[in-house]
Amino acid sequence: MNATLDGDVVRLSEPGRERYYDSRGYGRPDGGGLDLAPVEAAHLLFRGDLDGVEGMGFRAFLASTDCMLAFLVYKDLRDRGFYLSPALDGWVDDPVDADLVVYPRGSGPWDGDVAYRVRVLGERESVPADALSGTLAVVDEESEITYLDVSTPDLHGTSESDLPGNVPGSLLADRVVLWDPPTDLYRHGFFGQPLDGREASGPLQCSLVEAAYLADRGAIRVDAGHDAVIDRGREVEGDRFDRRLSVYRALRERGIVPKTGFKFGADFRTYADVESVDDLGHSEFLVRVVPTDHAFSPRDLALDVRLAHGVRKTMTFALTDGEDVTWRAVSRLTP
C-alpha cells in the first residue's frame, strides 16, 4: 500500500484499518482507513509492509521526519513482542511526559491496559527532575538501548529510638563528638560512630546532619550552640547541607536510619528495621539528594543505577528545595 502525508500524520485509505490496526495494533482508526504517526509508518516501511509514503521509501522518509531515536526504540519493543502507540493527543489517554505507550504482551490499544509509558532519550540529553517518571529508553551512540524504570519507592521502616536529653558535645571540624553518650544512642538508635571502632561505649562522633537533627530535638547540647552546627554545615557544604538535613529528617520520621553513602558515591545508605547495631542486616537504598530544579544526565543515571545494583541496593533520588521531599527510585528494566 501507498500512503499520503498530511502534516505530521501519515494517512491510509481502506483497508488500512483492517490490515494494520485490527490485526497488529498500528495507528489510529479513521473509519475504514488509518492514521499513522511517523514512527509507525517508518516501521512499516522498514518491514516492507508499506510501499511508500508520498513516494518516499524508508530511508528518505526517516530522513524527512527525523524520528530516528524513536524508531530504534519502537522497533526494539515490537521485536520484543509488544504492541505500542505514539503518545499523542487524541491517540492515547494522558500523553504527557511520554513518547510511546506500550501495552502488555497479548494486549493492544483496544484493551486499555498499559505496561509502560516510555520516554525516548539520547545519551546526551537531560531529564528535568520534575519529569523523572515512567520508563526511560536511553539510546546510546552505538544505538544500544538501556531501559530505566522510575517509581515512587515505599520508604517506611520500623526503626525507633528513645532519645536522651541534653547530652553534651563538642563541635570539632566537620563533626560533633559526644564525650559521654548513653550507649543506646548508638547501639539501638544507630546515631554516630564510636571513636573506638564499633565499641558502643565511650565517645561518639556524629556527622553534622546527625548532630543538627539530635540538637533540634534536644537530645544533645553542643558547646558552640545549635546554630553553630547549622552554620558549620553550610560553611562546608553550602545549600546542599540544608537539603541533606531535610532528607535525613524525613527518613528518620519514616522509621528509617540513614547513614553515610560516601563509599557508594551517594549521600546516604538506609536501614529500615534497626533494633541493634549487633544485627544490622543489609541496607536497602542508596539515596542521592538533589535540588528540585536538577536536570539528570542519562549517563549519570545509568552509572548510579549500575552501581546500586552491583551492591544489591535500589538507587533513590530525594528531590528537595530544603523543605518538602519527593522520592524517585530508578532501576534497570528488561521489558
Protein backbone atom coordinates (compact mmCIF):
# COMPACT_ATOMS: atom_id res chain seq x y z
CA MET A 1 0.00 0.00 0.00
CA ASN A 2 0.99 3.60 -0.57
CA ALA A 3 0.27 6.30 1.99
CA THR A 4 -0.12 10.08 1.93
CA LEU A 5 1.38 12.59 4.30
CA ASP A 6 -0.87 15.21 5.93
CA GLY A 7 1.26 17.41 8.19
CA ASP A 8 2.62 15.06 10.86
CA VAL A 9 0.13 12.29 10.10
CA VAL A 10 0.50 9.50 7.56
CA ARG A 11 -2.89 8.50 6.13
CA LEU A 12 -4.00 5.18 4.69
CA SER A 13 -7.31 4.59 2.97
CA GLU A 14 -9.29 1.34 3.21
CA PRO A 15 -8.42 -1.38 4.05
CA GLY A 16 -5.73 0.31 6.23
CA ARG A 17 -7.58 -0.27 9.47
CA GLU A 18 -8.23 -3.94 8.83
CA ARG A 19 -4.71 -4.63 7.64
CA TYR A 20 -2.67 -2.76 10.23
CA TYR A 21 -4.80 -1.79 13.25
CA ASP A 22 -7.20 -4.70 13.73
CA SER A 23 -4.53 -7.34 13.24
CA ARG A 24 -1.33 -5.67 14.54
CA GLY A 25 -2.26 -2.59 16.59
CA TYR A 26 -0.75 0.12 14.37
CA GLY A 27 -2.19 3.64 14.18
CA ARG A 28 -5.49 5.34 14.98
CA PRO A 29 -8.59 4.20 13.06
CA ASP A 30 -10.39 6.67 10.81
CA GLY A 31 -13.42 4.78 9.53
CA GLY A 32 -12.05 2.01 7.35
CA GLY A 33 -8.84 3.98 6.91
CA LEU A 34 -5.98 4.55 9.31
CA ASP A 35 -3.82 7.39 10.61
CA LEU A 36 -0.22 6.57 11.41
CA ALA A 37 2.37 8.50 13.38
CA PRO A 38 5.70 8.92 11.57
CA VAL A 39 7.43 6.34 13.79
CA GLU A 40 4.76 3.75 12.95
CA ALA A 41 4.96 4.48 9.24
CA ALA A 42 8.76 4.22 9.41
CA HIS A 43 8.47 0.79 10.98
CA LEU A 44 6.03 -0.42 8.33
CA LEU A 45 8.29 0.92 5.59
CA PHE A 46 11.28 -0.80 7.19
CA ARG A 47 9.39 -4.11 7.24
CA GLY A 48 8.27 -3.67 3.64
CA ASP A 49 4.58 -3.62 4.65
CA LEU A 50 4.18 -0.17 3.11
CA ASP A 51 5.39 0.54 -0.39
CA GLY A 52 5.93 4.24 0.22
CA VAL A 53 4.73 7.50 1.75
CA GLU A 54 4.30 10.21 -0.87
CA GLY A 55 6.75 8.25 -3.00
CA MET A 56 9.35 8.04 -0.22
CA GLY A 57 10.87 4.76 0.85
CA PHE A 58 12.20 4.00 4.32
CA ARG A 59 15.48 5.91 4.06
CA ALA A 60 14.01 9.09 2.57
CA PHE A 61 11.03 9.05 4.93
CA LEU A 62 13.19 8.58 8.02
CA ALA A 63 15.38 11.49 6.98
CA SER A 64 12.39 13.74 6.30
CA THR A 65 10.69 13.06 9.66
CA ASP A 66 13.76 12.92 11.92
CA CYS A 67 12.33 10.18 14.17
CA MET A 68 15.47 8.04 14.29
CA LEU A 69 15.73 7.54 18.07
CA ALA A 70 12.02 6.88 18.46
CA PHE A 71 12.18 4.41 15.56
CA LEU A 72 15.00 2.47 17.20
CA VAL A 73 13.05 2.12 20.45
CA TYR A 74 9.78 1.39 18.63
CA LYS A 75 11.44 -1.35 16.58
CA ASP A 76 13.12 -2.86 19.64
CA LEU A 77 9.84 -3.08 21.56
CA ARG A 78 8.00 -4.50 18.53
CA ASP A 79 10.77 -7.09 18.20
CA ARG A 80 10.17 -7.99 21.85
CA GLY A 81 6.54 -8.79 21.07
CA PHE A 82 4.78 -5.63 22.24
CA TYR A 83 2.11 -3.55 20.56
CA LEU A 84 2.57 0.16 21.23
CA SER A 85 1.21 3.56 20.29
CA PRO A 86 2.77 7.01 20.00
CA ALA A 87 1.87 9.18 22.99
CA LEU A 88 -0.04 11.87 21.10
CA ASP A 89 -3.14 13.87 21.97
CA GLY A 90 -6.19 12.03 20.71
CA TRP A 91 -4.26 8.78 20.30
CA VAL A 92 -3.78 7.77 23.97
CA ASP A 93 -5.01 8.95 27.36
CA ASP A 94 -2.62 11.24 29.26
CA PRO A 95 0.21 11.58 26.73
CA VAL A 96 2.24 13.95 28.97
CA ASP A 97 5.91 13.06 29.65
CA ALA A 98 5.92 10.05 27.33
CA ASP A 99 6.75 9.34 23.70
CA LEU A 100 5.40 5.80 23.44
CA VAL A 101 2.72 3.85 25.28
CA VAL A 102 3.44 0.12 25.47
CA TYR A 103 0.69 -2.44 26.04
CA PRO A 104 1.08 -5.74 27.92
CA ARG A 105 2.02 -8.72 25.77
CA GLY A 106 -1.13 -10.13 24.23
CA SER A 107 -2.91 -6.76 24.50
CA GLY A 108 -3.27 -3.81 22.16
CA PRO A 109 -4.62 -0.25 22.02
CA TRP A 110 -8.18 -1.59 22.07
CA ASP A 111 -7.78 -3.17 25.54
CA GLY A 112 -7.00 -0.09 27.63
CA ASP A 113 -4.20 -1.68 29.69
CA VAL A 114 -0.73 -0.09 29.74
CA ALA A 115 2.52 -1.88 30.59
CA TYR A 116 4.98 1.02 30.17
CA ARG A 117 4.91 4.72 29.42
CA VAL A 118 8.20 5.29 27.62
CA ARG A 119 10.20 8.45 27.17
CA VAL A 120 12.91 8.24 24.47
CA LEU A 121 16.25 9.94 25.12
CA GLY A 122 19.65 10.15 23.54
CA GLU A 123 22.52 9.58 25.94
CA ARG A 124 23.49 13.28 25.85
CA GLU A 125 20.04 14.69 26.58
CA SER A 126 18.92 15.68 30.05
CA VAL A 127 15.86 14.89 32.14
CA PRO A 128 14.43 17.62 34.42
CA ALA A 129 13.82 16.31 37.94
CA ASP A 130 10.10 17.06 37.76
CA ALA A 131 9.83 14.93 34.59
CA LEU A 132 11.61 11.89 36.03
CA SER A 133 8.84 9.33 35.74
CA GLY A 134 7.64 6.25 33.86
CA THR A 135 10.16 4.35 31.75
CA LEU A 136 13.21 5.94 30.14
CA ALA A 137 14.58 4.38 26.97
CA VAL A 138 18.11 5.73 26.58
CA VAL A 139 19.68 5.23 23.16
CA ASP A 140 23.47 5.46 23.25
CA GLU A 141 25.75 6.50 20.41
CA GLU A 142 26.02 2.89 19.19
CA SER A 143 22.20 2.50 19.17
CA GLU A 144 22.15 0.22 22.20
CA ILE A 145 19.06 0.83 24.32
CA THR A 146 19.00 0.92 28.12
CA TYR A 147 15.61 0.89 29.81
CA LEU A 148 15.32 2.55 33.21
CA ASP A 149 12.23 2.20 35.38
CA VAL A 150 11.27 5.18 37.54
CA SER A 151 8.97 4.63 40.50
CA THR A 152 7.99 6.10 43.85
CA PRO A 153 9.66 3.92 46.49
CA ASP A 154 7.94 2.69 49.65
CA LEU A 155 10.23 4.29 52.20
CA HIS A 156 8.95 3.14 55.58
CA GLY A 157 10.67 1.29 58.37
CA THR A 158 10.33 0.21 61.97
CA SER A 159 13.49 1.78 63.37
CA GLU A 160 12.73 3.74 66.53
CA SER A 161 14.86 5.11 69.34
CA ASP A 162 14.23 6.82 72.66
CA LEU A 163 16.35 9.94 72.50
CA PRO A 164 18.20 11.17 75.58
CA GLY A 165 18.23 14.78 76.69
CA ASN A 166 20.99 17.39 76.76
CA VAL A 167 23.95 15.09 76.13
CA PRO A 168 26.97 17.44 75.92
CA GLY A 169 29.05 17.51 72.76
CA SER A 170 31.84 19.47 71.09
CA LEU A 171 31.87 20.85 67.56
CA LEU A 172 35.18 19.72 66.08
CA ALA A 173 35.94 20.35 62.39
CA ASP A 174 33.05 18.83 60.39
CA ARG A 175 31.57 16.63 63.15
CA VAL A 176 30.32 16.71 66.72
CA VAL A 177 31.86 14.49 69.41
CA LEU A 178 29.70 13.34 72.30
CA TRP A 179 32.12 12.54 75.09
CA ASP A 180 29.85 10.56 77.40
CA PRO A 181 26.74 9.47 75.47
CA PRO A 182 24.28 6.76 76.54
CA THR A 183 25.19 3.51 74.80
CA ASP A 184 21.68 3.13 73.35
CA LEU A 185 22.16 6.22 71.19
CA TYR A 186 24.50 4.20 69.00
CA ARG A 187 23.56 0.61 69.82
CA HIS A 188 19.81 0.97 69.19
CA GLY A 189 19.42 4.36 67.53
CA PHE A 190 22.43 3.87 65.23
CA PHE A 191 23.45 7.50 65.65
CA GLY A 192 27.09 8.39 65.06
CA GLN A 193 30.17 6.23 65.05
CA PRO A 194 32.13 5.20 68.16
CA LEU A 195 35.51 6.82 68.42
CA ASP A 196 36.85 3.39 69.37
CA GLY A 197 35.68 1.43 66.33
CA ARG A 198 32.41 -0.43 66.94
CA GLU A 199 32.54 -0.29 70.75
CA ALA A 200 29.18 1.12 71.81
CA SER A 201 30.61 2.67 74.97
CA GLY A 202 32.85 5.72 75.06
CA PRO A 203 32.90 8.87 72.90
CA LEU A 204 30.64 9.00 69.86
CA GLN A 205 31.33 11.09 66.77
CA CYS A 206 28.30 12.35 64.85
CA SER A 207 28.12 13.84 61.39
CA LEU A 208 26.83 17.39 61.12
CA VAL A 209 23.43 16.26 59.81
CA GLU A 210 23.08 13.77 62.68
CA ALA A 211 24.15 16.40 65.22
CA ALA A 212 21.78 19.03 63.79
CA TYR A 213 18.90 16.53 63.93
CA LEU A 214 19.69 15.50 67.52
CA ALA A 215 20.23 19.08 68.69
CA ASP A 216 16.94 20.17 67.14
CA ARG A 217 15.21 17.51 69.27
CA GLY A 218 17.00 18.45 72.45
CA ALA A 219 18.86 15.16 72.58
CA ILE A 220 22.30 16.79 72.60
CA ARG A 221 23.71 20.14 73.67
CA VAL A 222 26.62 21.39 71.57
CA ASP A 223 29.10 23.62 73.35
CA ALA A 224 29.19 26.10 70.45
CA GLY A 225 25.37 26.18 70.22
CA HIS A 226 22.80 24.61 67.89
CA ASP A 227 23.14 27.40 65.32
CA ALA A 228 26.88 26.77 65.15
CA VAL A 229 26.24 23.23 63.85
CA ILE A 230 23.97 24.56 61.11
CA ASP A 231 26.44 27.31 60.27
CA ARG A 232 29.33 24.83 60.08
CA GLY A 233 27.26 22.58 57.82
CA ARG A 234 26.51 25.45 55.46
CA GLU A 235 30.15 26.50 55.60
CA VAL A 236 31.43 23.12 54.42
CA GLU A 237 28.55 22.16 52.08
CA GLY A 238 26.65 25.35 51.18
CA ASP A 239 22.94 24.93 50.35
CA ARG A 240 23.50 21.20 49.97
CA PHE A 241 23.63 20.86 53.77
CA ASP A 242 20.05 22.12 54.19
CA ARG A 243 18.85 19.70 51.54
CA ARG A 244 20.65 16.76 53.13
CA LEU A 245 19.35 17.67 56.58
CA SER A 246 15.80 17.85 55.23
CA VAL A 247 16.14 14.39 53.69
CA TYR A 248 17.80 12.96 56.81
CA ARG A 249 14.92 14.27 58.93
CA ALA A 250 12.31 12.89 56.51
CA LEU A 251 13.90 9.42 56.57
CA ARG A 252 14.10 9.32 60.36
CA GLU A 253 10.45 10.35 60.56
CA ARG A 254 9.61 7.37 58.33
CA GLY A 255 11.31 4.95 60.70
CA ILE A 256 14.42 4.62 58.52
CA VAL A 257 18.01 5.07 59.65
CA PRO A 258 20.20 6.98 57.16
CA LYS A 259 23.96 6.55 57.31
CA THR A 260 26.61 7.94 55.03
CA GLY A 261 26.63 6.63 51.47
CA PHE A 262 30.05 8.06 50.67
CA LYS A 263 31.63 4.70 49.79
CA PHE A 264 28.90 4.22 47.18
CA GLY A 265 29.05 7.75 45.78
CA ALA A 266 25.70 8.65 47.38
CA ASP A 267 24.55 10.85 50.25
CA PHE A 268 23.01 8.08 52.35
CA ARG A 269 22.54 4.36 52.62
CA THR A 270 19.45 3.34 54.57
CA TYR A 271 18.32 0.71 57.07
CA ALA A 272 14.60 0.15 57.55
CA ASP A 273 14.49 -2.15 60.59
CA VAL A 274 17.23 -1.38 63.09
CA GLU A 275 16.84 -2.97 66.51
CA SER A 276 20.53 -3.23 67.33
CA VAL A 277 23.79 -2.48 65.56
CA ASP A 278 24.81 -6.03 66.51
CA ASP A 279 22.31 -7.33 63.93
CA LEU A 280 22.02 -4.67 61.27
CA GLY A 281 21.21 -6.66 58.20
CA HIS A 282 21.55 -5.25 54.71
CA SER A 283 20.93 -1.64 53.76
CA GLU A 284 18.18 -1.33 51.16
CA PHE A 285 18.52 2.01 49.40
CA LEU A 286 21.21 4.38 48.22
CA VAL A 287 19.92 7.95 48.41
CA ARG A 288 21.27 10.86 46.43
CA VAL A 289 19.94 14.31 47.38
CA VAL A 290 19.38 16.74 44.51
CA PRO A 291 17.61 20.11 44.19
CA THR A 292 14.12 20.15 42.70
CA ASP A 293 15.38 22.05 39.63
CA HIS A 294 18.09 19.48 38.94
CA ALA A 295 18.49 18.06 35.43
CA PHE A 296 19.62 14.43 35.25
CA SER A 297 22.10 13.19 32.69
CA PRO A 298 21.12 9.73 31.35
CA ARG A 299 24.76 8.74 31.56
CA ASP A 300 24.90 9.62 35.28
CA LEU A 301 21.59 7.83 35.88
CA ALA A 302 22.93 4.69 34.24
CA LEU A 303 26.10 4.89 36.34
CA ASP A 304 24.19 5.34 39.62
CA VAL A 305 21.77 2.53 38.82
CA ARG A 306 24.56 0.15 37.80
CA LEU A 307 26.50 0.86 40.99
CA ALA A 308 23.44 0.41 43.23
CA HIS A 309 22.54 -2.85 41.51
CA GLY A 310 26.09 -4.12 41.98
CA VAL A 311 25.83 -3.71 45.77
CA ARG A 312 22.23 -5.05 45.91
CA LYS A 313 20.56 -1.74 46.65
CA THR A 314 17.98 0.44 44.95
CA MET A 315 19.05 3.86 43.70
CA THR A 316 16.75 6.54 45.06
CA PHE A 317 16.79 10.28 44.46
CA ALA A 318 15.46 12.71 47.04
CA LEU A 319 14.31 15.89 45.29
CA THR A 320 14.07 18.81 47.67
CA ASP A 321 14.48 22.56 47.98
CA GLY A 322 15.28 22.14 51.68
CA GLU A 323 11.71 21.56 52.86
CA ASP A 324 9.37 19.06 51.18
CA VAL A 325 10.93 15.92 49.71
CA THR A 326 9.85 13.99 46.60
CA TRP A 327 11.23 10.48 46.15
CA ARG A 328 12.13 8.69 42.92
CA ALA A 329 13.65 5.22 42.66
CA VAL A 330 15.40 4.25 39.41
CA SER A 331 16.35 0.72 38.36
CA ARG A 332 17.28 -1.23 35.23
CA LEU A 333 14.36 -2.72 33.32
CA THR A 334 14.18 -5.53 30.81
CA PRO A 335 10.80 -5.23 29.02
